[in-house]
Every structure is written in structure tokens, then in C-alpha cells.
C-alpha atoms as a PDB file:
ATOM      1  CA  MET A   1      53.267 119.646  67.010  1.00  0.00           C
ATOM      2  CA  VAL A   2      54.432 121.997  64.460  1.00  0.00           C
ATOM      3  CA  LYS A   3      55.919 119.089  62.333  1.00  0.00           C
ATOM      4  CA  LEU A   4      52.796 117.438  62.586  1.00  0.00           C
ATOM      5  CA  LYS A   5      50.927 120.493  61.442  1.00  0.00           C
ATOM      6  CA  ASN A   6      53.243 121.219  58.609  1.00  0.00           C
ATOM      7  CA  LEU A   7      52.999 117.608  57.194  1.00  0.00           C
ATOM      8  CA  LEU A   8      49.353 118.079  57.484  1.00  0.00           C
ATOM      9  CA  VAL A   9      49.153 121.274  55.641  1.00  0.00           C
ATOM     10  CA  GLY A  10      51.736 119.842  52.758  1.00  0.00           C
ATOM     11  CA  LEU A  11      49.520 116.756  52.300  1.00  0.00           C
ATOM     12  CA  SER A  12      46.397 119.059  51.835  1.00  0.00           C
ATOM     13  CA  VAL A  13      47.991 121.130  49.374  1.00  0.00           C
ATOM     14  CA  ILE A  14      49.046 118.095  47.531  1.00  0.00           C
ATOM     15  CA  LEU A  15      45.652 116.957  47.278  1.00  0.00           C
ATOM     16  CA  MET A  16      44.211 120.413  46.349  1.00  0.00           C
ATOM     17  CA  LEU A  17      46.735 120.648  43.575  1.00  0.00           C
ATOM     18  CA  LEU A  18      45.874 116.983  42.247  1.00  0.00           C
ATOM     19  CA  THR A  19      42.062 117.892  42.114  1.00  0.00           C
ATOM     20  CA  SER A  20      42.680 121.373  40.562  1.00  0.00           C
ATOM     21  CA  PHE A  21      44.544 119.511  37.846  1.00  0.00           C
ATOM     22  CA  GLY A  22      41.742 117.384  37.117  1.00  0.00           C
ATOM     23  CA  VAL A  23      43.264 114.052  38.678  1.00  0.00           C
ATOM     24  CA  LYS A  24      40.416 111.829  39.613  1.00  0.00           C
ATOM     25  CA  ALA A  25      41.409 109.643  42.683  1.00  0.00           C
ATOM     26  CA  GLU A  26      39.960 108.109  45.436  1.00  0.00           C
ATOM     27  CA  VAL A  27      41.765 109.566  48.485  1.00  0.00           C
ATOM     28  CA  ASN A  28      40.874 107.867  51.886  1.00  0.00           C
ATOM     29  CA  TYR A  29      41.739 110.728  54.275  1.00  0.00           C
ATOM     30  CA  ALA A  30      40.479 111.869  57.604  1.00  0.00           C
ATOM     31  CA  VAL A  31      40.335 115.233  59.549  1.00  0.00           C
ATOM     32  CA  VAL A  32      41.486 115.776  63.065  1.00  0.00           C
ATOM     33  CA  ASN A  33      41.109 118.693  65.181  1.00  0.00           C
ATOM     34  CA  ILE A  34      44.340 118.663  66.763  1.00  0.00           C
ATOM     35  CA  LYS A  35      44.111 121.747  68.868  1.00  0.00           C
ATOM     36  CA  TYR A  36      40.772 120.555  70.264  1.00  0.00           C
ATOM     37  CA  VAL A  37      41.899 116.947  70.971  1.00  0.00           C
ATOM     38  CA  LEU A  38      44.966 118.199  73.082  1.00  0.00           C
ATOM     39  CA  ASP A  39      43.145 121.196  74.857  1.00  0.00           C
ATOM     40  CA  SER A  40      39.963 119.019  75.641  1.00  0.00           C
ATOM     41  CA  SER A  41      41.884 116.183  76.728  1.00  0.00           C
ATOM     42  CA  ASP A  42      41.583 114.648  80.436  1.00  0.00           C
ATOM     43  CA  ALA A  43      45.382 114.823  80.641  1.00  0.00           C
ATOM     44  CA  ALA A  44      45.590 118.441  79.562  1.00  0.00           C
ATOM     45  CA  LYS A  45      42.941 119.130  82.104  1.00  0.00           C
ATOM     46  CA  ASN A  46      45.004 117.616  84.761  1.00  0.00           C
ATOM     47  CA  ILE A  47      48.090 119.275  83.580  1.00  0.00           C
ATOM     48  CA  MET A  48      46.321 122.652  83.960  1.00  0.00           C
ATOM     49  CA  GLU A  49      45.045 121.799  87.190  1.00  0.00           C
ATOM     50  CA  GLN A  50      48.617 121.107  88.588  1.00  0.00           C
ATOM     51  CA  MET A  51      49.957 124.394  86.905  1.00  0.00           C
ATOM     52  CA  LYS A  52      47.261 126.181  88.613  1.00  0.00           C
ATOM     53  CA  ALA A  53      48.272 124.780  91.897  1.00  0.00           C
ATOM     54  CA  TYR A  54      52.064 125.599  91.314  1.00  0.00           C
ATOM     55  CA  GLY A  55      51.022 129.157  90.144  1.00  0.00           C
ATOM     56  CA  GLN A  56      49.079 129.845  93.026  1.00  0.00           C
ATOM     57  CA  GLU A  57      51.886 128.776  95.287  1.00  0.00           C
ATOM     58  CA  LEU A  58      54.352 130.823  93.235  1.00  0.00           C
ATOM     59  CA  GLN A  59      51.981 133.896  93.382  1.00  0.00           C
ATOM     60  CA  ALA A  60      51.734 133.495  97.086  1.00  0.00           C
ATOM     61  CA  GLN A  61      55.436 133.719  97.363  1.00  0.00           C
ATOM     62  CA  ALA A  62      55.807 136.530  95.147  1.00  0.00           C
ATOM     63  CA  GLN A  63      53.190 138.450  97.243  1.00  0.00           C
ATOM     64  CA  LYS A  64      55.012 137.490 100.488  1.00  0.00           C
ATOM     65  CA  ASP A  65      58.551 138.909  99.029  1.00  0.00           C
ATOM     66  CA  ALA A  66      56.871 141.931  97.474  1.00  0.00           C
ATOM     67  CA  GLU A  67      55.372 142.653 101.103  1.00  0.00           C
ATOM     68  CA  SER A  68      58.657 142.178 102.505  1.00  0.00           C
ATOM     69  CA  LEU A  69      59.916 144.797 100.189  1.00  0.00           C
ATOM     70  CA  ARG A  70      57.473 147.171 100.924  1.00  0.00           C
ATOM     71  CA  THR A  71      58.169 146.907 104.494  1.00  0.00           C
ATOM     72  CA  MET A  72      61.775 147.516 103.954  1.00  0.00           C
ATOM     73  CA  ARG A  73      60.904 150.509 101.982  1.00  0.00           C
ATOM     74  CA  LYS A  74      58.633 151.944 104.350  1.00  0.00           C
ATOM     75  CA  ALA A  75      61.260 151.669 107.061  1.00  0.00           C
ATOM     76  CA  LEU A  76      64.136 153.076 104.990  1.00  0.00           C
ATOM     77  CA  ASP A  77      61.459 156.308 104.347  1.00  0.00           C
ATOM     78  CA  GLU A  78      60.794 156.614 107.897  1.00  0.00           C
ATOM     79  CA  LYS A  79      64.559 156.278 108.766  1.00  0.00           C
ATOM     80  CA  SER A  80      65.340 159.130 106.075  1.00  0.00           C
ATOM     81  CA  LYS A  81      62.862 161.697 107.505  1.00  0.00           C
ATOM     82  CA  LYS A  82      64.491 161.309 110.730  1.00  0.00           C
ATOM     83  CA  PRO A  83      66.687 164.577 111.891  1.00  0.00           C
ATOM     84  CA  GLY A  84      70.246 163.844 111.824  1.00  0.00           C
ATOM     85  CA  ALA A  85      69.902 160.566 109.890  1.00  0.00           C
ATOM     86  CA  ASN A  86      73.152 159.366 108.767  1.00  0.00           C
ATOM     87  CA  LYS A  87      73.124 159.930 104.768  1.00  0.00           C
ATOM     88  CA  THR A  88      75.967 157.174 104.153  1.00  0.00           C
ATOM     89  CA  GLU A  89      74.129 154.767 106.297  1.00  0.00           C
ATOM     90  CA  LEU A  90      70.898 155.631 104.188  1.00  0.00           C
ATOM     91  CA  ALA A  91      72.602 155.553 100.850  1.00  0.00           C
ATOM     92  CA  LYS A  92      73.945 151.946 101.613  1.00  0.00           C
ATOM     93  CA  SER A  93      70.609 150.807 103.032  1.00  0.00           C
ATOM     94  CA  GLU A  94      69.098 152.347  99.711  1.00  0.00           C
ATOM     95  CA  GLU A  95      71.759 150.266  97.577  1.00  0.00           C
ATOM     96  CA  ASP A  96      70.810 147.025  99.460  1.00  0.00           C
ATOM     97  CA  LEU A  97      67.311 147.509  98.833  1.00  0.00           C
ATOM     98  CA  ARG A  98      68.013 148.068  95.097  1.00  0.00           C
ATOM     99  CA  LYS A  99      70.025 144.859  94.901  1.00  0.00           C
ATOM    100  CA  ARG A 100      67.226 143.005  96.826  1.00  0.00           C
ATOM    101  CA  GLU A 101      64.610 144.207  94.409  1.00  0.00           C
ATOM    102  CA  GLN A 102      66.813 143.352  91.250  1.00  0.00           C
ATOM    103  CA  ALA A 103      67.631 139.769  92.891  1.00  0.00           C
ATOM    104  CA  LEU A 104      63.823 139.029  93.580  1.00  0.00           C
ATOM    105  CA  GLN A 105      63.244 140.056  89.792  1.00  0.00           C
ATOM    106  CA  GLU A 106      66.092 137.809  88.605  1.00  0.00           C
ATOM    107  CA  LYS A 107      64.468 134.888  90.825  1.00  0.00           C
ATOM    108  CA  TYR A 108      61.033 135.331  89.489  1.00  0.00           C
ATOM    109  CA  LYS A 109      62.158 135.637  85.964  1.00  0.00           C
ATOM    110  CA  LYS A 110      63.751 132.292  86.462  1.00  0.00           C
ATOM    111  CA  LYS A 111      60.995 130.723  88.125  1.00  0.00           C
ATOM    112  CA  GLN A 112      58.505 131.857  85.108  1.00  0.00           C
ATOM    113  CA  GLU A 113      61.156 130.249  82.484  1.00  0.00           C
ATOM    114  CA  SER A 114      61.175 126.871  84.902  1.00  0.00           C
ATOM    115  CA  PHE A 115      57.217 127.273  84.822  1.00  0.00           C
ATOM    116  CA  GLN A 116      56.932 127.083  81.052  1.00  0.00           C
ATOM    117  CA  ALA A 117      59.471 124.734  80.561  1.00  0.00           C
ATOM    118  CA  VAL A 118      57.817 122.173  82.799  1.00  0.00           C
ATOM    119  CA  LEU A 119      54.714 123.084  81.238  1.00  0.00           C
ATOM    120  CA  GLN A 120      55.684 122.364  77.735  1.00  0.00           C
ATOM    121  CA  GLU A 121      57.376 119.189  79.045  1.00  0.00           C
ATOM    122  CA  ALA A 122      54.296 117.934  80.188  1.00  0.00           C
ATOM    123  CA  VAL A 123      52.023 118.855  77.052  1.00  0.00           C
ATOM    124  CA  GLN A 124      54.776 117.328  74.936  1.00  0.00           C
ATOM    125  CA  GLN A 125      54.177 114.122  76.750  1.00  0.00           C
ATOM    126  CA  VAL A 126      50.454 114.367  75.644  1.00  0.00           C
ATOM    127  CA  GLU A 127      51.385 115.298  72.242  1.00  0.00           C
ATOM    128  CA  LYS A 128      53.640 112.223  71.687  1.00  0.00           C
ATOM    129  CA  VAL A 129      50.690 109.797  72.909  1.00  0.00           C
ATOM    130  CA  ALA A 130      48.340 112.006  70.387  1.00  0.00           C
ATOM    131  CA  VAL A 131      50.543 111.397  67.689  1.00  0.00           C
ATOM    132  CA  ASP A 132      50.935 107.676  68.315  1.00  0.00           C
ATOM    133  CA  ILE A 133      47.096 107.331  68.502  1.00  0.00           C
ATOM    134  CA  ILE A 134      46.745 109.195  65.251  1.00  0.00           C
ATOM    135  CA  ASN A 135      49.209 106.758  63.621  1.00  0.00           C
ATOM    136  CA  GLN A 136      47.524 103.890  65.255  1.00  0.00           C
ATOM    137  CA  VAL A 137      44.013 105.233  63.677  1.00  0.00           C
ATOM    138  CA  VAL A 138      45.765 105.617  60.098  1.00  0.00           C
ATOM    139  CA  GLN A 139      46.911 102.178  60.442  1.00  0.00           C
ATOM    140  CA  GLU A 140      43.551 100.826  61.473  1.00  0.00           C
ATOM    141  CA  LYS A 141      41.552 102.500  58.706  1.00  0.00           C
ATOM    142  CA  GLY A 142      43.917 102.512  56.134  1.00  0.00           C
ATOM    143  CA  TYR A 143      43.905 106.486  55.753  1.00  0.00           C
ATOM    144  CA  GLU A 144      46.611 107.747  53.218  1.00  0.00           C
ATOM    145  CA  PHE A 145      46.703 110.922  54.958  1.00  0.00           C
ATOM    146  CA  ILE A 146      45.291 113.010  57.949  1.00  0.00           C
ATOM    147  CA  LEU A 147      44.412 116.624  57.621  1.00  0.00           C
ATOM    148  CA  ASP A 148      44.316 119.082  60.453  1.00  0.00           C
ATOM    149  CA  ALA A 149      41.029 120.727  60.712  1.00  0.00           C
ATOM    150  CA  ALA A 150      42.534 124.075  61.187  1.00  0.00           C
ATOM    151  CA  ALA A 151      43.872 123.582  57.415  1.00  0.00           C
ATOM    152  CA  ALA A 152      40.580 122.678  55.889  1.00  0.00           C
ATOM    153  CA  VAL A 153      37.997 124.930  54.400  1.00  0.00           C
ATOM    154  CA  TRP A 154      35.668 122.141  54.344  1.00  0.00           C
ATOM    155  CA  SER A 155      35.824 118.435  54.896  1.00  0.00           C
ATOM    156  CA  ASN A 156      33.286 115.423  55.120  1.00  0.00           C
ATOM    157  CA  PRO A 157      32.122 115.174  58.479  1.00  0.00           C
ATOM    158  CA  LYS A 158      32.217 111.476  58.190  1.00  0.00           C
ATOM    159  CA  ASN A 159      35.987 111.827  57.702  1.00  0.00           C
ATOM    160  CA  ASP A 160      36.149 113.598  61.121  1.00  0.00           C
ATOM    161  CA  ILE A 161      38.330 111.249  63.554  1.00  0.00           C
ATOM    162  CA  THR A 162      38.755 113.889  65.965  1.00  0.00           C
ATOM    163  CA  ASP A 163      36.175 112.197  68.771  1.00  0.00           C
ATOM    164  CA  THR A 164      37.868 108.857  68.090  1.00  0.00           C
ATOM    165  CA  VAL A 165      41.236 110.376  68.788  1.00  0.00           C
ATOM    166  CA  LEU A 166      40.135 112.250  71.930  1.00  0.00           C
ATOM    167  CA  LYS A 167      38.444 109.045  73.339  1.00  0.00           C
ATOM    168  CA  LYS A 168      41.646 106.611  72.841  1.00  0.00           C
ATOM    169  CA  LEU A 169      43.717 109.517  74.041  1.00  0.00           C
ATOM    170  CA  ASN A 170      41.743 109.968  77.159  1.00  0.00           C
ATOM    171  CA  SER A 171      41.841 105.958  77.620  1.00  0.00           C
ATOM    172  CA  SER A 172      45.506 106.002  77.109  1.00  0.00           C
ATOM    173  CA  ILE A 173      46.526 108.732  79.521  1.00  0.00           C
ATOM    174  CA  SER A 174      44.487 110.699  81.778  1.00  0.00           C
ATOM    175  CA  LYS A 175      47.088 111.853  84.057  1.00  0.00           C
ATOM    176  CA  VAL A 176      50.688 113.448  83.639  1.00  0.00           C
ATOM    177  CA  ALA A 177      53.057 113.779  86.255  1.00  0.00           C
ATOM    178  CA  VAL A 178      54.153 117.470  86.004  1.00  0.00           C
ATOM    179  CA  LYS A 179      57.564 118.364  87.739  1.00  0.00           C
ATOM    180  CA  LYS A 180      57.279 121.353  90.374  1.00  0.00           C
ATOM    181  CA  PRO A 181      58.901 124.045  88.688  1.00  0.00           C
ATOM    182  CA  ALA A 182      62.093 125.081  90.463  1.00  0.00           C
END
């Protein structure tokens, strides 16, 4: 996605330079709102539904683990209030609880990283198909370059191929099998 954007921005700069030096050229170009295409596609919506479900599972597990820690903390606090509580045993229990808390923090940090990696992998699948479709439209229409709508100050609406790309993307890929995060 970044390479595609850089290429489109570079081409738009070249076009602006040519026109600013008075070079008259008929340029057959098109504009596409890549972010809109990727965000609005059926595949992106499908990915987000799956990731939401995975996120809810992760959140439920995290709440269960947090409740377990609260229960352990409460039991330890009650134990420490009892007269004659063994200080060594309390210190050991406190250390064990602290280790469990750290282990859970690390566990959920890794789960969050896995979640992000799985999301990125799924989105990249859609981006690849979108780039292929843009290339197909370029070939069909004979465009000399495609400009990302985000880089354009203004463009003729007749040159906007966003809807065409979105329709073709939705026809090509509407669902993406998202791996369950580890």
C-alpha cells in the first residue's frame, strides 16, 4: 500500500511539474480513492467481522483471567489480616501472585501482537487483489498513470475510477479466511 501511494504521489508531482513548465500534453490519467476502496470493500467488512469476534473472545478470556487474579488478591489480603499469619508464606504467595500478573500481561501482549499480525495479513490479501484490479483497469482503459485521490487537490470527476475498482474488488473477493490469532 505504501509503495503504491508513493508511486502515485511521484507521478502526480511529475505531472504538476510538466504542466507548470508549460508543457502541453494530453495525459490519460485516472484517480482512485484507495483508502475508501479498501475500507468499503465487502472483504474488508468481512475481515472486520471476524476480527471483532476474535476480539470479543480475547476480551472475555482477559476478563476471566483478571477476575481470577482479583479473587486470588482478595484471598491473600484476607489471609494477611488474620492474626498469626505466616509472614514467609504471605511473602511467597505475594510473589507468586505478582509472577502470575506478569505472566498474564506478557500473554496478552503476545496475543495483541498476534491479533495485529493476523489483521495485517488479511488486509494485505485484499490490497494485493485491489492492486491487481487497478492494473487491470489501467490496461483496459490505457491510462498512463493512476493518482491516489488523497494526493489530488482536484481532479475531473470523470477520471475517478473508485467505484469501478470497488465493484470489481467486491466481485473478485468478498470474504477472506482470517486465521484465528494465537
